[in-house]
Protein backbone atom coordinates (compact mmCIF):
# COMPACT_ATOMS: atom_id res chain seq x y z
CA UNK A 1 -164.56 -126.57 -0.10
CA UNK A 2 -166.38 -123.51 -1.45
CA UNK A 3 -164.05 -120.51 -1.55
CA UNK A 4 -165.22 -116.97 -2.34
CA UNK A 5 -162.26 -114.93 -3.54
CA UNK A 6 -162.94 -111.19 -3.47
CA UNK A 7 -160.73 -108.81 -5.46
CA UNK A 8 -161.73 -105.76 -7.47
CA UNK A 9 -159.04 -106.54 -10.06
CA UNK A 10 -157.63 -109.78 -11.46
CA UNK A 11 -154.78 -110.62 -13.83
CA UNK A 12 -157.24 -109.85 -16.64
CA UNK A 13 -157.26 -106.23 -15.48
CA UNK A 14 -153.62 -105.88 -14.39
CA UNK A 15 -150.69 -108.24 -14.68
CA UNK A 16 -149.00 -107.42 -11.38
CA UNK A 17 -147.59 -109.46 -8.46
CA UNK A 18 -150.64 -109.16 -6.12
CA UNK A 19 -153.07 -110.30 -8.83
CA UNK A 20 -150.72 -113.08 -9.98
CA UNK A 21 -150.43 -114.35 -6.41
CA UNK A 22 -154.22 -114.50 -6.01
CA UNK A 23 -154.60 -116.28 -9.36
CA UNK A 24 -152.01 -118.91 -8.36
CA UNK A 25 -153.94 -119.63 -5.19
CA UNK A 26 -157.29 -119.74 -6.99
CA UNK A 27 -156.14 -122.03 -9.81
CA UNK A 28 -154.29 -124.30 -7.39
CA UNK A 29 -157.46 -124.66 -5.33
CA UNK A 30 -159.49 -125.42 -8.45
CA UNK A 31 -156.92 -128.01 -9.57
CA UNK A 32 -157.45 -129.76 -6.22
CA UNK A 33 -161.18 -129.92 -6.88
CA UNK A 34 -162.34 -127.01 -4.73
CA UNK A 35 -165.18 -124.73 -5.88
CA UNK A 36 -163.61 -121.28 -6.35
CA UNK A 37 -165.75 -118.26 -7.18
CA UNK A 38 -164.00 -114.97 -7.90
CA UNK A 39 -165.98 -111.79 -7.16
CA UNK A 40 -164.43 -108.97 -9.17
CA UNK A 41 -165.09 -106.20 -11.65
CA UNK A 42 -166.17 -107.61 -15.01
CA UNK A 43 -163.33 -108.07 -17.49
CA UNK A 44 -165.22 -109.85 -20.26
CA UNK A 45 -167.03 -108.03 -23.05
CA UNK A 46 -170.45 -109.71 -23.15
CA UNK A 47 -173.31 -109.06 -20.75
CA UNK A 48 -173.15 -112.38 -18.89
CA UNK A 49 -172.98 -112.03 -15.11
CA UNK A 50 -170.50 -114.90 -14.79
CA UNK A 51 -167.58 -116.28 -16.75
CA UNK A 52 -165.91 -119.72 -16.54
CA UNK A 53 -162.16 -119.98 -17.09
CA UNK A 54 -159.38 -122.32 -15.92
CA UNK A 55 -161.74 -124.05 -13.51
CA UNK A 56 -162.78 -120.76 -11.88
CA UNK A 57 -166.15 -119.05 -11.89
CA UNK A 58 -165.85 -115.27 -12.17
CA UNK A 59 -168.76 -113.15 -10.92
CA UNK A 60 -168.90 -109.65 -12.39
CA UNK A 61 -169.92 -107.53 -9.39
CA UNK A 62 -169.57 -104.32 -11.41
CA UNK A 63 -169.22 -103.52 -15.11
CA UNK A 64 -165.61 -102.34 -14.75
CA UNK A 65 -162.92 -101.60 -12.16
CA UNK A 66 -163.69 -97.86 -12.04
CA UNK A 67 -167.07 -98.48 -10.32
CA UNK A 68 -165.45 -98.86 -6.90
CA UNK A 69 -168.30 -97.59 -4.74
CA UNK A 70 -170.73 -99.86 -6.53
CA UNK A 71 -168.37 -102.79 -5.96
CA UNK A 72 -168.25 -102.08 -2.23
CA UNK A 73 -172.04 -101.96 -2.01
CA UNK A 74 -172.74 -105.07 -4.09
CA UNK A 75 -169.91 -107.41 -3.12
CA UNK A 76 -171.17 -108.34 0.39
CA UNK A 77 -174.52 -109.62 -0.88
CA UNK A 78 -172.97 -111.40 -3.87
CA UNK A 79 -170.55 -113.19 -1.55
CA UNK A 80 -173.25 -114.13 0.95
CA UNK A 81 -175.46 -115.62 -1.79
CA UNK A 82 -172.62 -117.97 -2.76
CA UNK A 83 -172.75 -119.55 0.72
CA UNK A 84 -168.97 -120.03 0.90
CA UNK A 85 -167.06 -122.10 3.43
CA UNK A 86 -164.43 -119.36 3.62
CA UNK A 87 -163.96 -115.89 2.15
CA UNK A 88 -160.50 -115.01 0.81
CA UNK A 89 -160.04 -111.31 -0.02
CA UNK A 90 -157.19 -109.61 -1.85
CA UNK A 91 -155.84 -106.19 -0.88
CA UNK A 92 -155.28 -104.89 -4.41
CA UNK A 93 -158.04 -102.45 -3.42
CA UNK A 94 -158.00 -102.57 0.43
CA UNK A 95 -161.60 -101.34 1.00
CA UNK A 96 -162.72 -104.50 -0.80
CA UNK A 97 -161.55 -106.41 2.27
CA UNK A 98 -164.01 -104.42 4.37
CA UNK A 99 -166.80 -105.28 1.90
CA UNK A 100 -165.71 -108.93 1.99
CA UNK A 101 -165.88 -108.88 5.80
CA UNK A 102 -169.54 -107.86 5.61
CA UNK A 103 -170.20 -110.68 3.16
CA UNK A 104 -168.39 -113.15 5.43
CA UNK A 105 -170.47 -111.98 8.39
CA UNK A 106 -173.69 -112.45 6.43
CA UNK A 107 -172.52 -115.93 5.38
CA UNK A 108 -171.35 -116.69 8.94
CA UNK A 109 -167.98 -117.83 7.74
CA UNK A 110 -164.37 -116.68 8.36
CA UNK A 111 -162.43 -114.11 6.35
CA UNK A 112 -158.79 -114.40 5.31
CA UNK A 113 -157.12 -111.39 3.67
CA UNK A 114 -154.13 -111.64 1.35
CA UNK A 115 -152.07 -108.44 1.61
CA UNK A 116 -149.13 -108.13 -0.78
CA UNK A 117 -148.22 -104.44 -0.75
CA UNK A 118 -148.08 -102.58 2.59
CA UNK A 119 -148.21 -99.21 0.82
CA UNK A 120 -151.89 -99.90 0.17
CA UNK A 121 -152.49 -99.84 3.91
CA UNK A 122 -152.37 -96.03 4.02
CA UNK A 123 -155.81 -94.52 3.60
CA UNK A 124 -159.18 -93.73 5.10
CA UNK A 125 -161.61 -95.50 7.39
CA UNK A 126 -162.39 -98.43 5.07
CA UNK A 127 -158.70 -99.18 4.61
CA UNK A 128 -158.00 -98.95 8.34
CA UNK A 129 -160.95 -101.27 8.90
CA UNK A 130 -159.45 -103.69 6.37
CA UNK A 131 -156.47 -104.11 8.72
CA UNK A 132 -158.62 -105.16 11.66
CA UNK A 133 -161.66 -106.92 10.14
CA UNK A 134 -160.09 -110.18 8.83
CA UNK A 135 -159.75 -113.23 11.03
CA UNK A 136 -156.28 -113.66 9.53
CA UNK A 137 -154.05 -111.60 7.22
CA UNK A 138 -151.39 -113.41 5.20
CA UNK A 139 -148.39 -111.61 3.74
CA UNK A 140 -145.68 -112.82 1.33
CA UNK A 141 -142.79 -111.86 3.60
CA UNK A 142 -141.79 -110.78 7.10
CA UNK A 143 -141.11 -107.31 5.69
CA UNK A 144 -144.75 -106.84 4.65
CA UNK A 145 -145.97 -108.37 7.92
CA UNK A 146 -143.92 -105.80 9.89
CA UNK A 147 -145.16 -102.90 7.77
CA UNK A 148 -148.81 -103.92 8.32
CA UNK A 149 -148.25 -104.25 12.06
CA UNK A 150 -146.82 -100.73 12.06
CA UNK A 151 -150.01 -99.55 10.34
CA UNK A 152 -152.31 -101.06 12.95
CA UNK A 153 -152.83 -104.74 12.18
CA UNK A 154 -152.86 -107.13 15.14
CA UNK A 155 -149.63 -109.17 15.14
CA UNK A 156 -151.52 -112.27 16.30
CA UNK A 157 -153.62 -112.15 13.13
CA UNK A 158 -150.67 -111.75 10.78
CA UNK A 159 -149.01 -114.74 9.14
CA UNK A 160 -146.43 -115.17 6.38
CA UNK A 161 -147.32 -117.42 3.44
CA UNK A 162 -144.66 -117.16 0.74
CA UNK A 163 -145.09 -117.18 -2.99
CA UNK A 164 -144.57 -120.57 -4.60
CA UNK A 165 -142.64 -122.26 -7.40
CA UNK A 166 -143.42 -125.30 -9.53
CA UNK A 167 -140.92 -128.09 -8.81
CA UNK A 168 -142.44 -130.31 -11.48
CA UNK A 169 -141.59 -127.65 -14.05
CA UNK A 170 -138.10 -127.23 -12.64
CA UNK A 171 -137.32 -130.95 -12.72
CA UNK A 172 -138.70 -131.39 -16.24
CA UNK A 173 -136.89 -128.43 -17.83
CA UNK A 174 -133.52 -129.04 -19.47
CA UNK A 175 -130.78 -126.59 -18.41
CA UNK A 176 -129.63 -124.05 -21.01
CA UNK A 177 -126.00 -123.41 -21.89
CA UNK A 178 -123.78 -122.94 -18.86
CA UNK A 179 -123.34 -119.44 -17.46
CA UNK A 180 -121.92 -118.02 -14.24
CA UNK A 181 -124.13 -115.15 -13.06
CA UNK A 182 -127.79 -114.32 -13.75
CA UNK A 183 -129.99 -111.38 -12.80
CA UNK A 184 -133.74 -111.04 -13.48
CA UNK A 185 -136.08 -108.11 -12.90
CA UNK A 186 -137.88 -105.29 -14.66
CA UNK A 187 -135.12 -102.87 -15.64
CA UNK A 188 -136.21 -99.62 -14.08
CA UNK A 189 -134.51 -97.27 -11.64
CA UNK A 190 -135.38 -99.51 -8.68
CA UNK A 191 -133.60 -102.49 -10.25
CA UNK A 192 -130.28 -101.11 -9.00
CA UNK A 193 -128.45 -103.22 -11.59
CA UNK A 194 -125.48 -100.85 -11.33
CA UNK A 195 -124.49 -102.59 -8.08
CA UNK A 196 -124.06 -105.88 -9.92
CA UNK A 197 -122.25 -104.21 -12.84
CA UNK A 198 -119.80 -102.51 -10.49
CA UNK A 199 -119.28 -105.79 -8.63
CA UNK A 200 -118.60 -107.65 -11.86
CA UNK A 201 -116.17 -104.94 -12.94
CA UNK A 202 -114.12 -105.81 -9.83
CA UNK A 203 -113.72 -109.31 -11.28
CA UNK A 204 -112.25 -108.39 -14.68
CA UNK A 205 -109.27 -110.69 -14.07
CA UNK A 206 -111.54 -113.70 -13.51
CA UNK A 207 -113.42 -115.76 -16.07
CA UNK A 208 -117.16 -115.13 -15.88
CA UNK A 209 -120.26 -114.54 -17.99
CA UNK A 210 -123.51 -112.88 -16.96
CA UNK A 211 -127.09 -112.89 -18.22
CA UNK A 212 -129.59 -110.12 -17.48
CA UNK A 213 -133.25 -111.10 -17.90
CA UNK A 214 -135.91 -108.43 -18.17
CA UNK A 215 -136.74 -105.20 -19.95
CA UNK A 216 -137.79 -101.72 -18.96
CA UNK A 217 -137.13 -97.99 -19.28
CA UNK A 218 -133.62 -98.16 -17.81
CA UNK A 219 -132.32 -100.97 -20.03
CA UNK A 220 -130.39 -98.68 -22.37
CA UNK A 221 -128.81 -96.88 -19.42
CA UNK A 222 -127.68 -100.17 -17.90
CA UNK A 223 -126.30 -101.37 -21.22
CA UNK A 224 -124.37 -98.09 -21.49
CA UNK A 225 -122.98 -98.59 -17.97
CA UNK A 226 -121.73 -102.03 -18.99
CA UNK A 227 -119.94 -100.42 -21.96
CA UNK A 228 -118.50 -97.67 -19.78
CA UNK A 229 -117.13 -100.34 -17.42
CA UNK A 230 -115.78 -102.26 -20.44
CA UNK A 231 -117.53 -105.50 -19.50
CA UNK A 232 -120.26 -105.43 -22.17
CA UNK A 233 -118.71 -108.35 -24.07
CA UNK A 234 -119.28 -110.62 -21.05
CA UNK A 235 -122.89 -109.61 -20.30
CA UNK A 236 -125.90 -110.65 -22.35
CA UNK A 237 -129.13 -108.64 -22.02
CA UNK A 238 -131.82 -111.09 -23.20
CA UNK A 239 -135.02 -109.12 -22.47
CA UNK A 240 -138.29 -110.68 -21.31
CA UNK A 241 -138.45 -114.49 -21.28
CA UNK A 242 -141.13 -117.09 -20.59
CA UNK A 243 -141.14 -118.95 -17.30
CA UNK A 244 -139.84 -122.07 -19.03
CA UNK A 245 -136.90 -120.18 -20.58
CA UNK A 246 -136.09 -118.54 -17.26
CA UNK A 247 -136.05 -121.90 -15.49
CA UNK A 248 -133.73 -123.33 -18.16
CA UNK A 249 -131.29 -120.43 -17.57
CA UNK A 250 -131.53 -120.68 -13.78
CA UNK A 251 -130.75 -124.40 -13.93
CA UNK A 252 -127.65 -123.65 -15.99
CA UNK A 253 -126.43 -120.70 -13.89
CA UNK A 254 -124.22 -120.89 -10.83
CA UNK A 255 -125.15 -117.62 -9.10
CA UNK A 256 -128.29 -115.46 -8.96
CA UNK A 257 -127.79 -111.88 -7.79
CA UNK A 258 -130.60 -109.73 -6.31
CA UNK A 259 -129.85 -106.03 -5.88
CA UNK A 260 -133.27 -104.29 -6.17
CA UNK A 261 -133.90 -101.57 -3.60
CA UNK A 262 -137.55 -102.51 -3.05
CA UNK A 263 -139.05 -105.99 -3.12
CA UNK A 264 -142.16 -107.32 -1.37
CA UNK A 265 -141.19 -110.87 -2.29
CA UNK A 266 -138.19 -111.94 -4.39
CA UNK A 267 -140.04 -114.32 -6.71
CA UNK A 268 -137.28 -114.69 -9.31
CA UNK A 269 -134.69 -115.25 -6.58
CA UNK A 270 -136.85 -118.06 -5.17
CA UNK A 271 -137.12 -119.72 -8.59
CA UNK A 272 -133.35 -119.47 -9.04
CA UNK A 273 -132.60 -120.86 -5.58
CA UNK A 274 -134.95 -123.79 -6.21
CA UNK A 275 -133.04 -124.36 -9.48
CA UNK A 276 -129.80 -124.74 -7.52
CA UNK A 277 -128.31 -121.26 -7.87
CA UNK A 278 -126.23 -119.77 -5.10
CA UNK A 279 -128.12 -116.66 -3.96
CA UNK A 280 -126.40 -113.32 -3.43
CA UNK A 281 -128.59 -110.53 -2.06
CA UNK A 282 -127.61 -106.91 -1.60
CA UNK A 283 -129.38 -105.85 1.57
CA UNK A 284 -131.89 -102.98 1.44
CA UNK A 285 -134.29 -101.93 4.19
CA UNK A 286 -137.29 -102.02 1.85
CA UNK A 287 -136.50 -105.42 0.31
CA UNK A 288 -137.45 -108.82 1.71
CA UNK A 289 -134.99 -110.72 -0.53
CA UNK A 290 -132.53 -111.40 2.30
CA UNK A 291 -135.22 -113.50 4.03
CA UNK A 292 -134.70 -116.25 1.44
CA UNK A 293 -130.93 -116.59 2.00
CA UNK A 294 -130.64 -116.03 5.75
CA UNK A 295 -129.01 -118.98 7.47
CA UNK A 296 -128.40 -120.85 4.22
CA UNK A 297 -124.96 -122.15 3.26
CA UNK A 298 -125.61 -121.34 -0.41
CA UNK A 299 -126.65 -117.77 0.32
CA UNK A 300 -124.85 -114.45 0.85
CA UNK A 301 -126.03 -111.05 2.10
CA UNK A 302 -123.92 -108.09 1.00
CA UNK A 303 -123.93 -104.34 1.57
CA UNK A 304 -121.41 -103.07 -0.98
CA UNK A 305 -120.13 -103.75 -4.50
CA UNK A 306 -116.85 -105.10 -3.08
CA UNK A 307 -118.71 -107.53 -0.80
CA UNK A 308 -120.85 -108.56 -3.78
CA UNK A 309 -117.74 -109.26 -5.87
CA UNK A 310 -116.20 -111.26 -3.01
CA UNK A 311 -119.42 -113.27 -2.67
CA UNK A 312 -119.46 -114.10 -6.39
CA UNK A 313 -115.85 -115.23 -6.13
CA UNK A 314 -116.59 -117.40 -3.06
CA UNK A 315 -119.78 -118.80 -4.62
CA UNK A 316 -117.71 -119.97 -7.57
CA UNK A 317 -116.06 -122.51 -5.28
CA UNK A 318 -119.38 -124.14 -4.39
CA UNK A 319 -120.71 -127.27 -6.06
CA UNK A 320 -122.99 -126.64 -9.06
CA UNK A 321 -126.61 -127.78 -8.68
CA UNK A 322 -129.60 -127.88 -11.03
CA UNK A 323 -132.27 -128.32 -8.33
CA UNK A 324 -132.22 -127.66 -4.58
CA UNK A 325 -134.68 -129.84 -2.70
CA UNK A 326 -134.20 -127.69 0.42
CA UNK A 327 -136.72 -125.33 -1.20
CA UNK A 328 -139.38 -128.00 -1.76
CA UNK A 329 -141.42 -126.39 1.01
CA UNK A 330 -142.04 -123.56 -1.46
CA UNK A 331 -143.54 -125.91 -4.04
CA UNK A 332 -146.98 -124.91 -5.25
CA UNK A 333 -148.65 -127.87 -3.56
CA UNK A 334 -146.92 -127.27 -0.23
CA UNK A 335 -147.89 -123.59 -0.19
CA UNK A 336 -151.47 -124.46 -1.11
CA UNK A 337 -151.57 -126.82 1.88
CA UNK A 338 -150.66 -123.85 4.10
CA UNK A 339 -153.71 -121.98 2.82
CA UNK A 340 -155.97 -124.99 3.27
CA UNK A 341 -154.69 -125.51 6.82
CA UNK A 342 -155.48 -121.85 7.53
CA UNK A 343 -158.99 -122.21 6.11
CA UNK A 344 -159.63 -125.25 8.32
CA UNK A 345 -158.15 -123.56 11.38
CA UNK A 346 -160.35 -120.51 10.93
CA UNK A 347 -163.46 -122.62 10.31
CA UNK A 348 -162.69 -124.57 13.50
CA UNK A 349 -162.56 -121.28 15.41
CA UNK A 350 -166.06 -120.59 14.08
CA UNK A 351 -167.20 -124.05 15.16
CA UNK A 352 -167.81 -125.04 11.54
CA UNK A 353 -165.79 -128.29 11.49
């Protein structure tokens, strides 16, 4: 299948969740043998119009990401010339979806939009049009789906397709040294790590150890809070780690705690759950993390530090696991199949199958 992926920015421009999600889809498609062409702002230094990397063909629609108007004017014709079977547009710059819809119309093929952050749905005419032009909009969570519906997207065109994890990597990674509790996120104000620290302080009389993965501007403040609570000798702040090192820690941990106030999709929580951790989520209205633990025996939803401490204590009675096959539906291959099924469904609606 020929897939035209339209996004002003890629992971070469910005290493952020929306771009990483699009890259996972693109590389997974290429690994399956599909022809994936990415229409984006140029990120390479030479004057070539295209660039080959990781099985993908990048088309430089504009010289850089600042030429937004030029991108909107050129993208439709570049997409149409590629004669794709389906157009897949990212909402990192929502007006690009509108440009992709023109290209899809010229190519007489369906358009699927991948919308990660609902905050990008606020804007002018081109952004409002981006909510109604696609044949289908996929979101990473029910939270984002609801926010887009509130901004004018048709509920019948909205569908949740979660982020994915790599079960082959999980199964092949040896667990690290045993630990009780793990937390992973960028350590900024929104991390809300203080909730976990206060919960752990309630458990001083119990034996536990905790690992905090991630770095950021609030790290020193959180480390000071741990000292103020006199639990610093039981918490290890390890900074940024590779995916392989994170998986090794998740496989060795018993509990993963998610307390962030805002979260479009709890990617690290998903990895930890797939690695067998018991999931404890502090509920927040602007976080989708609770969606991953709802209705699961090895999952807790809390609303206070005392409830969080009680959940950690109760989770300690559960059987340790190093992989949870109940999450195999989130494996990279399974999630890719959801996209491919959507592509085929949309093409069938166009009478193209």
